[in-house]
Amino acid sequence: MENWEALAFGERVLPDVRRVGGLRRLRSAAAYRRAYNVYKAHGFSAAKKYLDELRGRFPTDGGWDVDAALRVTRHITPLLRAMGRALRHDRLCLPWSIPLVAALTVIGIDAQVVIGKCRENTGIASFPFHAWVEIHGVQTDFGEWDRAYVPILRFPT
């Protein structure tokens, strides 16, 4: 299984990753769904408050280094995105980012939603604002967001 990661992501030496147990994965998926439902029903402020509450209940100082946290994120994101499609996400960035941060927080990974405003004349950005997920300041996806957008808000803090 590790060979496909090295091929896909160009990593020669992959960090050892602590196993994330089945119960923790189920709780993570439940938090993903709840975060999406809170955002959909009550909007941004309620979703932000929910992420803050999760951060209080699930400490994110579990010793995950960036490489291990990104590797775990790469493993669980496809499953969560499939779940998101089943929940009928509208494919916008904020409804994808908030639930992913909720799921990672339950696992103990220190993740944040970052909202950025488009830089002038970049040619990369197609929307005036964009949201993405970062772990210790590193993007979890493979976009050019750090060059195309200026971060204006990070949460939870």
N, C-alpha and C. Protein backbone atom coordinates (compact mmCIF):
# COMPACT_ATOMS: atom_id res chain seq x y z
N MET A 1 0.82 -1.19 0.00
CA MET A 1 0.00 0.00 0.00
C MET A 1 0.87 1.26 0.00
N GLU A 2 2.00 1.21 0.66
CA GLU A 2 2.85 2.39 0.72
C GLU A 2 3.47 2.71 -0.63
N ASN A 3 3.63 1.72 -1.51
CA ASN A 3 4.22 1.97 -2.82
C ASN A 3 3.40 2.95 -3.65
N TRP A 4 2.07 2.83 -3.61
CA TRP A 4 1.24 3.74 -4.39
C TRP A 4 1.39 5.16 -3.88
N GLU A 5 1.61 5.33 -2.56
CA GLU A 5 1.78 6.68 -2.02
C GLU A 5 3.09 7.30 -2.53
N ALA A 6 4.14 6.52 -2.53
CA ALA A 6 5.42 7.03 -3.02
C ALA A 6 5.31 7.40 -4.49
N LEU A 7 4.62 6.58 -5.27
CA LEU A 7 4.43 6.87 -6.68
C LEU A 7 3.56 8.11 -6.88
N ALA A 8 2.46 8.20 -6.15
CA ALA A 8 1.52 9.31 -6.32
C ALA A 8 2.05 10.62 -5.79
N PHE A 9 2.76 10.58 -4.67
CA PHE A 9 3.14 11.82 -4.00
C PHE A 9 4.63 12.10 -4.04
N GLY A 10 5.41 11.19 -4.64
CA GLY A 10 6.83 11.43 -4.81
C GLY A 10 7.64 11.35 -3.53
N GLU A 11 7.14 10.67 -2.54
CA GLU A 11 7.85 10.55 -1.28
C GLU A 11 8.67 9.26 -1.27
N ARG A 12 9.96 9.38 -1.03
CA ARG A 12 10.81 8.19 -1.01
C ARG A 12 10.72 7.49 0.34
N VAL A 13 10.73 8.24 1.42
CA VAL A 13 10.64 7.66 2.75
C VAL A 13 9.37 8.19 3.40
N LEU A 14 8.46 7.29 3.67
CA LEU A 14 7.21 7.69 4.28
C LEU A 14 7.31 7.56 5.79
N PRO A 15 6.77 8.54 6.52
CA PRO A 15 6.86 8.46 7.98
C PRO A 15 5.98 7.35 8.52
N ASP A 16 6.40 6.79 9.66
CA ASP A 16 5.55 5.82 10.34
C ASP A 16 4.32 6.55 10.85
N VAL A 17 3.19 5.91 10.72
CA VAL A 17 1.94 6.52 11.16
C VAL A 17 1.30 5.62 12.19
N ARG A 18 0.92 6.24 13.32
CA ARG A 18 0.18 5.48 14.31
C ARG A 18 -1.14 5.07 13.70
N ARG A 19 -1.56 3.91 14.04
CA ARG A 19 -2.83 3.41 13.52
C ARG A 19 -3.99 4.19 14.12
N VAL A 20 -4.94 4.56 13.29
CA VAL A 20 -6.15 5.22 13.75
C VAL A 20 -7.21 4.13 13.83
N GLY A 21 -7.67 3.85 15.03
CA GLY A 21 -8.60 2.75 15.25
C GLY A 21 -9.97 2.97 14.63
N GLY A 22 -10.71 1.89 14.55
CA GLY A 22 -12.03 1.92 13.93
C GLY A 22 -13.01 2.83 14.64
N LEU A 23 -13.01 2.82 15.98
CA LEU A 23 -13.93 3.69 16.72
C LEU A 23 -13.60 5.15 16.46
N ARG A 24 -12.32 5.48 16.43
CA ARG A 24 -11.92 6.87 16.17
C ARG A 24 -12.34 7.28 14.76
N ARG A 25 -12.22 6.36 13.79
CA ARG A 25 -12.65 6.65 12.41
C ARG A 25 -14.16 6.88 12.34
N LEU A 26 -14.93 6.08 13.08
CA LEU A 26 -16.38 6.27 13.10
C LEU A 26 -16.75 7.62 13.71
N ARG A 27 -16.09 7.97 14.81
CA ARG A 27 -16.34 9.28 15.43
C ARG A 27 -15.94 10.41 14.49
N SER A 28 -14.87 10.20 13.76
CA SER A 28 -14.41 11.19 12.80
C SER A 28 -15.45 11.39 11.69
N ALA A 29 -15.98 10.29 11.17
CA ALA A 29 -17.01 10.37 10.13
C ALA A 29 -18.28 11.02 10.67
N ALA A 30 -18.63 10.72 11.92
CA ALA A 30 -19.82 11.35 12.52
C ALA A 30 -19.61 12.85 12.67
N ALA A 31 -18.40 13.27 13.07
CA ALA A 31 -18.11 14.69 13.20
C ALA A 31 -18.15 15.37 11.83
N TYR A 32 -17.67 14.68 10.80
CA TYR A 32 -17.72 15.22 9.43
C TYR A 32 -19.17 15.50 9.04
N ARG A 33 -20.02 14.50 9.26
CA ARG A 33 -21.43 14.66 8.88
C ARG A 33 -22.10 15.77 9.70
N ARG A 34 -21.84 15.79 11.00
CA ARG A 34 -22.46 16.82 11.85
C ARG A 34 -21.99 18.21 11.43
N ALA A 35 -20.71 18.37 11.16
CA ALA A 35 -20.20 19.68 10.75
C ALA A 35 -20.87 20.15 9.46
N TYR A 36 -21.03 19.22 8.52
CA TYR A 36 -21.71 19.58 7.28
C TYR A 36 -23.15 19.98 7.54
N ASN A 37 -23.85 19.21 8.37
CA ASN A 37 -25.25 19.51 8.67
C ASN A 37 -25.41 20.83 9.41
N VAL A 38 -24.50 21.12 10.34
CA VAL A 38 -24.54 22.39 11.07
C VAL A 38 -24.33 23.55 10.10
N TYR A 39 -23.34 23.41 9.22
CA TYR A 39 -23.07 24.47 8.24
C TYR A 39 -24.28 24.68 7.32
N LYS A 40 -24.84 23.59 6.84
CA LYS A 40 -25.96 23.66 5.91
C LYS A 40 -27.20 24.28 6.56
N ALA A 41 -27.48 23.88 7.80
CA ALA A 41 -28.70 24.33 8.47
C ALA A 41 -28.58 25.71 9.13
N HIS A 42 -27.38 26.01 9.67
CA HIS A 42 -27.26 27.21 10.50
C HIS A 42 -26.20 28.21 10.03
N GLY A 43 -25.42 27.84 9.03
CA GLY A 43 -24.47 28.78 8.45
C GLY A 43 -23.08 28.75 9.05
N PHE A 44 -22.29 29.69 8.59
CA PHE A 44 -20.87 29.77 8.90
C PHE A 44 -20.59 29.92 10.39
N SER A 45 -21.27 30.84 11.06
CA SER A 45 -20.99 31.10 12.48
C SER A 45 -21.23 29.87 13.33
N ALA A 46 -22.31 29.16 13.07
CA ALA A 46 -22.61 27.95 13.85
C ALA A 46 -21.58 26.86 13.57
N ALA A 47 -21.14 26.73 12.33
CA ALA A 47 -20.12 25.73 12.00
C ALA A 47 -18.80 26.07 12.66
N LYS A 48 -18.45 27.34 12.67
CA LYS A 48 -17.22 27.78 13.34
C LYS A 48 -17.28 27.48 14.83
N LYS A 49 -18.42 27.73 15.44
CA LYS A 49 -18.61 27.43 16.86
C LYS A 49 -18.50 25.93 17.11
N TYR A 50 -19.06 25.12 16.22
CA TYR A 50 -18.97 23.66 16.36
C TYR A 50 -17.51 23.20 16.32
N LEU A 51 -16.71 23.76 15.40
CA LEU A 51 -15.29 23.40 15.33
C LEU A 51 -14.56 23.79 16.61
N ASP A 52 -14.90 24.95 17.17
CA ASP A 52 -14.29 25.37 18.43
C ASP A 52 -14.64 24.40 19.56
N GLU A 53 -15.91 23.95 19.59
CA GLU A 53 -16.34 22.98 20.60
C GLU A 53 -15.58 21.66 20.44
N LEU A 54 -15.44 21.20 19.20
CA LEU A 54 -14.69 19.97 18.96
C LEU A 54 -13.25 20.09 19.44
N ARG A 55 -12.64 21.23 19.18
CA ARG A 55 -11.25 21.45 19.60
C ARG A 55 -11.14 21.35 21.11
N GLY A 56 -12.18 21.79 21.83
CA GLY A 56 -12.17 21.69 23.28
C GLY A 56 -12.34 20.26 23.78
N ARG A 57 -13.11 19.45 23.06
CA ARG A 57 -13.37 18.06 23.48
C ARG A 57 -12.29 17.10 23.04
N PHE A 58 -11.65 17.37 21.92
CA PHE A 58 -10.62 16.48 21.37
C PHE A 58 -9.31 17.26 21.25
N PRO A 59 -8.44 17.15 22.21
CA PRO A 59 -7.18 17.89 22.15
C PRO A 59 -6.38 17.50 20.91
N THR A 60 -5.82 18.48 20.25
CA THR A 60 -5.07 18.24 19.01
C THR A 60 -3.57 18.30 19.24
N ASP A 61 -3.15 18.06 20.46
CA ASP A 61 -1.72 18.06 20.74
C ASP A 61 -1.22 16.63 20.89
N GLY A 62 -1.75 15.74 20.07
CA GLY A 62 -1.45 14.32 20.17
C GLY A 62 -0.11 13.89 19.61
N GLY A 63 0.74 14.82 19.28
CA GLY A 63 2.07 14.45 18.83
C GLY A 63 2.18 14.13 17.35
N TRP A 64 1.20 14.49 16.56
CA TRP A 64 1.28 14.25 15.12
C TRP A 64 2.27 15.24 14.51
N ASP A 65 3.28 14.73 13.82
CA ASP A 65 4.11 15.66 13.05
C ASP A 65 3.42 15.90 11.71
N VAL A 66 3.88 16.88 10.98
CA VAL A 66 3.20 17.30 9.75
C VAL A 66 3.13 16.17 8.74
N ASP A 67 4.24 15.46 8.52
CA ASP A 67 4.25 14.40 7.51
C ASP A 67 3.27 13.28 7.85
N ALA A 68 3.26 12.86 9.11
CA ALA A 68 2.34 11.80 9.51
C ALA A 68 0.89 12.27 9.41
N ALA A 69 0.63 13.49 9.84
CA ALA A 69 -0.73 14.03 9.77
C ALA A 69 -1.21 14.14 8.32
N LEU A 70 -0.34 14.59 7.43
CA LEU A 70 -0.72 14.68 6.02
C LEU A 70 -0.96 13.29 5.43
N ARG A 71 -0.17 12.34 5.84
CA ARG A 71 -0.35 10.97 5.32
C ARG A 71 -1.69 10.39 5.77
N VAL A 72 -2.04 10.56 7.04
CA VAL A 72 -3.33 10.09 7.53
C VAL A 72 -4.46 10.82 6.80
N THR A 73 -4.29 12.12 6.60
CA THR A 73 -5.30 12.91 5.89
C THR A 73 -5.50 12.37 4.48
N ARG A 74 -4.43 12.03 3.80
CA ARG A 74 -4.54 11.48 2.45
C ARG A 74 -5.28 10.16 2.43
N HIS A 75 -5.14 9.39 3.51
CA HIS A 75 -5.83 8.10 3.59
C HIS A 75 -7.32 8.25 3.83
N ILE A 76 -7.71 9.18 4.70
CA ILE A 76 -9.12 9.27 5.05
C ILE A 76 -9.92 10.22 4.17
N THR A 77 -9.26 11.15 3.47
CA THR A 77 -10.00 12.13 2.68
C THR A 77 -10.86 11.50 1.58
N PRO A 78 -10.38 10.52 0.81
CA PRO A 78 -11.26 9.95 -0.23
C PRO A 78 -12.57 9.38 0.33
N LEU A 79 -12.49 8.70 1.47
CA LEU A 79 -13.70 8.16 2.08
C LEU A 79 -14.64 9.28 2.52
N LEU A 80 -14.07 10.33 3.12
CA LEU A 80 -14.90 11.44 3.57
C LEU A 80 -15.51 12.20 2.39
N ARG A 81 -14.75 12.35 1.32
CA ARG A 81 -15.31 13.02 0.13
C ARG A 81 -16.45 12.20 -0.48
N ALA A 82 -16.31 10.87 -0.46
CA ALA A 82 -17.41 10.03 -0.95
C ALA A 82 -18.64 10.22 -0.06
N MET A 83 -18.40 10.31 1.23
CA MET A 83 -19.51 10.56 2.15
C MET A 83 -20.12 11.93 1.87
N GLY A 84 -19.28 12.91 1.57
CA GLY A 84 -19.77 14.25 1.24
C GLY A 84 -20.63 14.25 -0.02
N ARG A 85 -20.23 13.47 -1.01
CA ARG A 85 -21.04 13.38 -2.23
C ARG A 85 -22.41 12.78 -1.90
N ALA A 86 -22.42 11.80 -1.00
CA ALA A 86 -23.69 11.20 -0.59
C ALA A 86 -24.57 12.20 0.16
N LEU A 87 -23.92 13.14 0.87
CA LEU A 87 -24.67 14.18 1.57
C LEU A 87 -25.10 15.31 0.64
N ARG A 88 -24.70 15.19 -0.63
CA ARG A 88 -25.04 16.17 -1.66
C ARG A 88 -24.36 17.52 -1.45
N HIS A 89 -23.06 17.46 -1.22
CA HIS A 89 -22.28 18.71 -1.17
C HIS A 89 -22.46 19.47 -2.48
N ASP A 90 -22.38 20.76 -2.41
CA ASP A 90 -22.53 21.57 -3.61
C ASP A 90 -21.20 21.85 -4.30
N ARG A 91 -20.14 21.18 -3.91
CA ARG A 91 -18.81 21.28 -4.52
C ARG A 91 -18.10 22.61 -4.25
N LEU A 92 -18.66 23.45 -3.42
CA LEU A 92 -17.96 24.67 -3.05
C LEU A 92 -16.94 24.35 -1.97
N CYS A 93 -15.94 25.19 -1.85
CA CYS A 93 -14.80 24.88 -0.99
C CYS A 93 -15.11 24.92 0.51
N LEU A 94 -15.92 25.85 0.97
CA LEU A 94 -16.18 25.95 2.40
C LEU A 94 -16.97 24.75 2.94
N PRO A 95 -18.03 24.29 2.24
CA PRO A 95 -18.72 23.10 2.73
C PRO A 95 -17.87 21.83 2.70
N TRP A 96 -16.77 21.82 1.97
CA TRP A 96 -15.84 20.68 1.99
C TRP A 96 -14.81 20.85 3.10
N SER A 97 -14.36 22.07 3.34
CA SER A 97 -13.27 22.31 4.28
C SER A 97 -13.71 22.17 5.73
N ILE A 98 -14.85 22.72 6.09
CA ILE A 98 -15.30 22.68 7.48
C ILE A 98 -15.47 21.25 7.98
N PRO A 99 -16.19 20.37 7.26
CA PRO A 99 -16.30 18.99 7.74
C PRO A 99 -14.97 18.24 7.81
N LEU A 100 -14.07 18.50 6.88
CA LEU A 100 -12.77 17.82 6.92
C LEU A 100 -12.00 18.20 8.17
N VAL A 101 -12.02 19.47 8.54
CA VAL A 101 -11.35 19.90 9.77
C VAL A 101 -12.00 19.24 10.99
N ALA A 102 -13.32 19.12 10.99
CA ALA A 102 -14.00 18.44 12.10
C ALA A 102 -13.52 17.00 12.21
N ALA A 103 -13.45 16.30 11.09
CA ALA A 103 -13.02 14.90 11.10
C ALA A 103 -11.57 14.77 11.58
N LEU A 104 -10.69 15.64 11.12
CA LEU A 104 -9.28 15.57 11.52
C LEU A 104 -9.11 15.93 13.00
N THR A 105 -9.91 16.86 13.49
CA THR A 105 -9.84 17.25 14.90
C THR A 105 -10.17 16.07 15.80
N VAL A 106 -11.18 15.29 15.45
CA VAL A 106 -11.56 14.13 16.25
C VAL A 106 -10.43 13.10 16.29
N ILE A 107 -9.68 12.99 15.21
CA ILE A 107 -8.53 12.07 15.17
C ILE A 107 -7.38 12.61 16.02
N GLY A 108 -7.37 13.91 16.27
CA GLY A 108 -6.31 14.52 17.07
C GLY A 108 -5.31 15.31 16.25
N ILE A 109 -5.65 15.55 14.98
CA ILE A 109 -4.76 16.31 14.09
C ILE A 109 -5.15 17.78 14.15
N ASP A 110 -4.17 18.63 14.33
CA ASP A 110 -4.38 20.07 14.45
C ASP A 110 -4.55 20.69 13.06
N ALA A 111 -5.80 20.74 12.59
CA ALA A 111 -6.11 21.27 11.26
C ALA A 111 -6.91 22.55 11.39
N GLN A 112 -6.80 23.40 10.37
CA GLN A 112 -7.54 24.66 10.34
C GLN A 112 -8.14 24.88 8.96
N VAL A 113 -9.30 25.53 8.96
CA VAL A 113 -9.87 26.06 7.72
C VAL A 113 -9.21 27.41 7.50
N VAL A 114 -8.75 27.64 6.29
CA VAL A 114 -8.17 28.93 5.92
C VAL A 114 -9.03 29.52 4.81
N ILE A 115 -9.45 30.75 5.01
CA ILE A 115 -10.20 31.46 3.97
C ILE A 115 -9.30 32.56 3.45
N GLY A 116 -9.19 32.63 2.13
CA GLY A 116 -8.31 33.61 1.52
C GLY A 116 -9.04 34.45 0.49
N LYS A 117 -8.51 35.66 0.30
CA LYS A 117 -9.01 36.59 -0.71
C LYS A 117 -8.05 36.56 -1.88
N CYS A 118 -8.59 36.59 -3.07
CA CYS A 118 -7.79 36.50 -4.29
C CYS A 118 -6.82 37.67 -4.40
N ARG A 119 -5.58 37.35 -4.74
CA ARG A 119 -4.60 38.40 -5.05
C ARG A 119 -4.95 38.98 -6.41
N GLU A 120 -4.57 40.17 -6.64
CA GLU A 120 -4.84 40.82 -7.93
C GLU A 120 -3.95 40.24 -9.02
N ASN A 121 -4.51 40.03 -10.19
CA ASN A 121 -3.77 39.64 -11.40
C ASN A 121 -2.90 38.39 -11.24
N THR A 122 -3.42 37.36 -10.60
CA THR A 122 -2.62 36.15 -10.47
C THR A 122 -2.80 35.22 -11.66
N GLY A 123 -3.97 35.25 -12.27
CA GLY A 123 -4.25 34.35 -13.37
C GLY A 123 -4.57 32.94 -12.94
N ILE A 124 -4.37 32.61 -11.65
CA ILE A 124 -4.64 31.27 -11.14
C ILE A 124 -6.06 31.19 -10.58
N ALA A 125 -6.43 32.20 -9.83
CA ALA A 125 -7.69 32.17 -9.10
C ALA A 125 -8.88 32.47 -10.01
N SER A 126 -9.94 31.66 -9.83
CA SER A 126 -11.15 31.94 -10.59
C SER A 126 -12.27 32.49 -9.73
N PHE A 127 -12.08 32.51 -8.43
CA PHE A 127 -13.09 33.01 -7.51
C PHE A 127 -12.48 34.09 -6.62
N PRO A 128 -13.28 35.07 -6.18
CA PRO A 128 -12.71 36.13 -5.33
C PRO A 128 -12.27 35.63 -3.95
N PHE A 129 -12.88 34.55 -3.45
CA PHE A 129 -12.51 33.97 -2.17
C PHE A 129 -12.39 32.46 -2.32
N HIS A 130 -11.59 31.85 -1.45
CA HIS A 130 -11.42 30.40 -1.49
C HIS A 130 -11.13 29.91 -0.07
N ALA A 131 -11.52 28.67 0.23
CA ALA A 131 -11.23 28.05 1.52
C ALA A 131 -10.49 26.74 1.29
N TRP A 132 -9.55 26.46 2.17
CA TRP A 132 -8.81 25.20 2.10
C TRP A 132 -8.43 24.78 3.51
N VAL A 133 -7.87 23.59 3.64
CA VAL A 133 -7.49 23.04 4.94
C VAL A 133 -5.97 23.01 5.04
N GLU A 134 -5.47 23.42 6.20
CA GLU A 134 -4.03 23.36 6.47
C GLU A 134 -3.78 22.61 7.77
N ILE A 135 -2.65 21.90 7.80
CA ILE A 135 -2.17 21.23 9.00
C ILE A 135 -0.82 21.84 9.32
N HIS A 136 -0.73 22.52 10.44
CA HIS A 136 0.49 23.21 10.84
C HIS A 136 1.01 24.12 9.71
N GLY A 137 0.10 24.81 9.04
CA GLY A 137 0.49 25.74 7.99
C GLY A 137 0.76 25.12 6.63
N VAL A 138 0.58 23.80 6.49
CA VAL A 138 0.82 23.11 5.22
C VAL A 138 -0.53 22.71 4.63
N GLN A 139 -0.73 23.02 3.35
CA GLN A 139 -1.98 22.69 2.68
C GLN A 139 -2.13 21.18 2.56
N THR A 140 -3.38 20.71 2.69
CA THR A 140 -3.63 19.29 2.56
C THR A 140 -3.95 18.88 1.13
N ASP A 141 -4.22 19.85 0.28
CA ASP A 141 -4.50 19.53 -1.13
C ASP A 141 -3.36 20.06 -1.99
N PHE A 142 -3.51 19.94 -3.28
CA PHE A 142 -2.39 20.24 -4.17
C PHE A 142 -2.63 21.47 -5.03
N GLY A 143 -3.27 22.49 -4.48
CA GLY A 143 -3.55 23.69 -5.25
C GLY A 143 -2.45 24.74 -5.13
N GLU A 144 -2.67 25.83 -5.76
CA GLU A 144 -1.74 26.96 -5.71
C GLU A 144 -2.31 28.06 -4.82
N TRP A 145 -3.05 27.65 -3.79
CA TRP A 145 -3.81 28.62 -3.01
C TRP A 145 -2.92 29.62 -2.31
N ASP A 146 -1.76 29.20 -1.85
CA ASP A 146 -0.89 30.13 -1.12
C ASP A 146 -0.37 31.25 -2.01
N ARG A 147 -0.28 31.02 -3.31
CA ARG A 147 0.17 32.07 -4.22
C ARG A 147 -0.99 32.87 -4.78
N ALA A 148 -2.15 32.26 -4.93
CA ALA A 148 -3.28 32.92 -5.55
C ALA A 148 -4.15 33.68 -4.56
N TYR A 149 -4.11 33.28 -3.29
CA TYR A 149 -4.99 33.88 -2.29
C TYR A 149 -4.20 34.34 -1.07
N VAL A 150 -4.63 35.45 -0.50
CA VAL A 150 -4.05 35.97 0.74
C VAL A 150 -4.93 35.51 1.88
N PRO A 151 -4.42 34.74 2.83
CA PRO A 151 -5.25 34.29 3.95
C PRO A 151 -5.80 35.48 4.75
N ILE A 152 -7.10 35.46 5.00
CA ILE A 152 -7.72 36.52 5.80
C ILE A 152 -8.35 35.99 7.08
N LEU A 153 -8.57 34.67 7.17
CA LEU A 153 -9.18 34.09 8.36
C LEU A 153 -8.72 32.64 8.49
N ARG A 154 -8.35 32.26 9.72
CA ARG A 154 -8.00 30.88 10.05
C ARG A 154 -8.80 30.49 11.28
N PHE A 155 -9.42 29.31 11.24
CA PHE A 155 -10.15 28.83 12.39
C PHE A 155 -10.21 27.32 12.36
N PRO A 156 -10.38 26.63 13.48
CA PRO A 156 -10.36 27.19 14.83
C PRO A 156 -8.94 27.59 15.20
N THR A 157 -8.85 28.45 16.20
CA THR A 157 -7.53 28.94 16.61
C THR A 157 -7.08 28.23 17.85
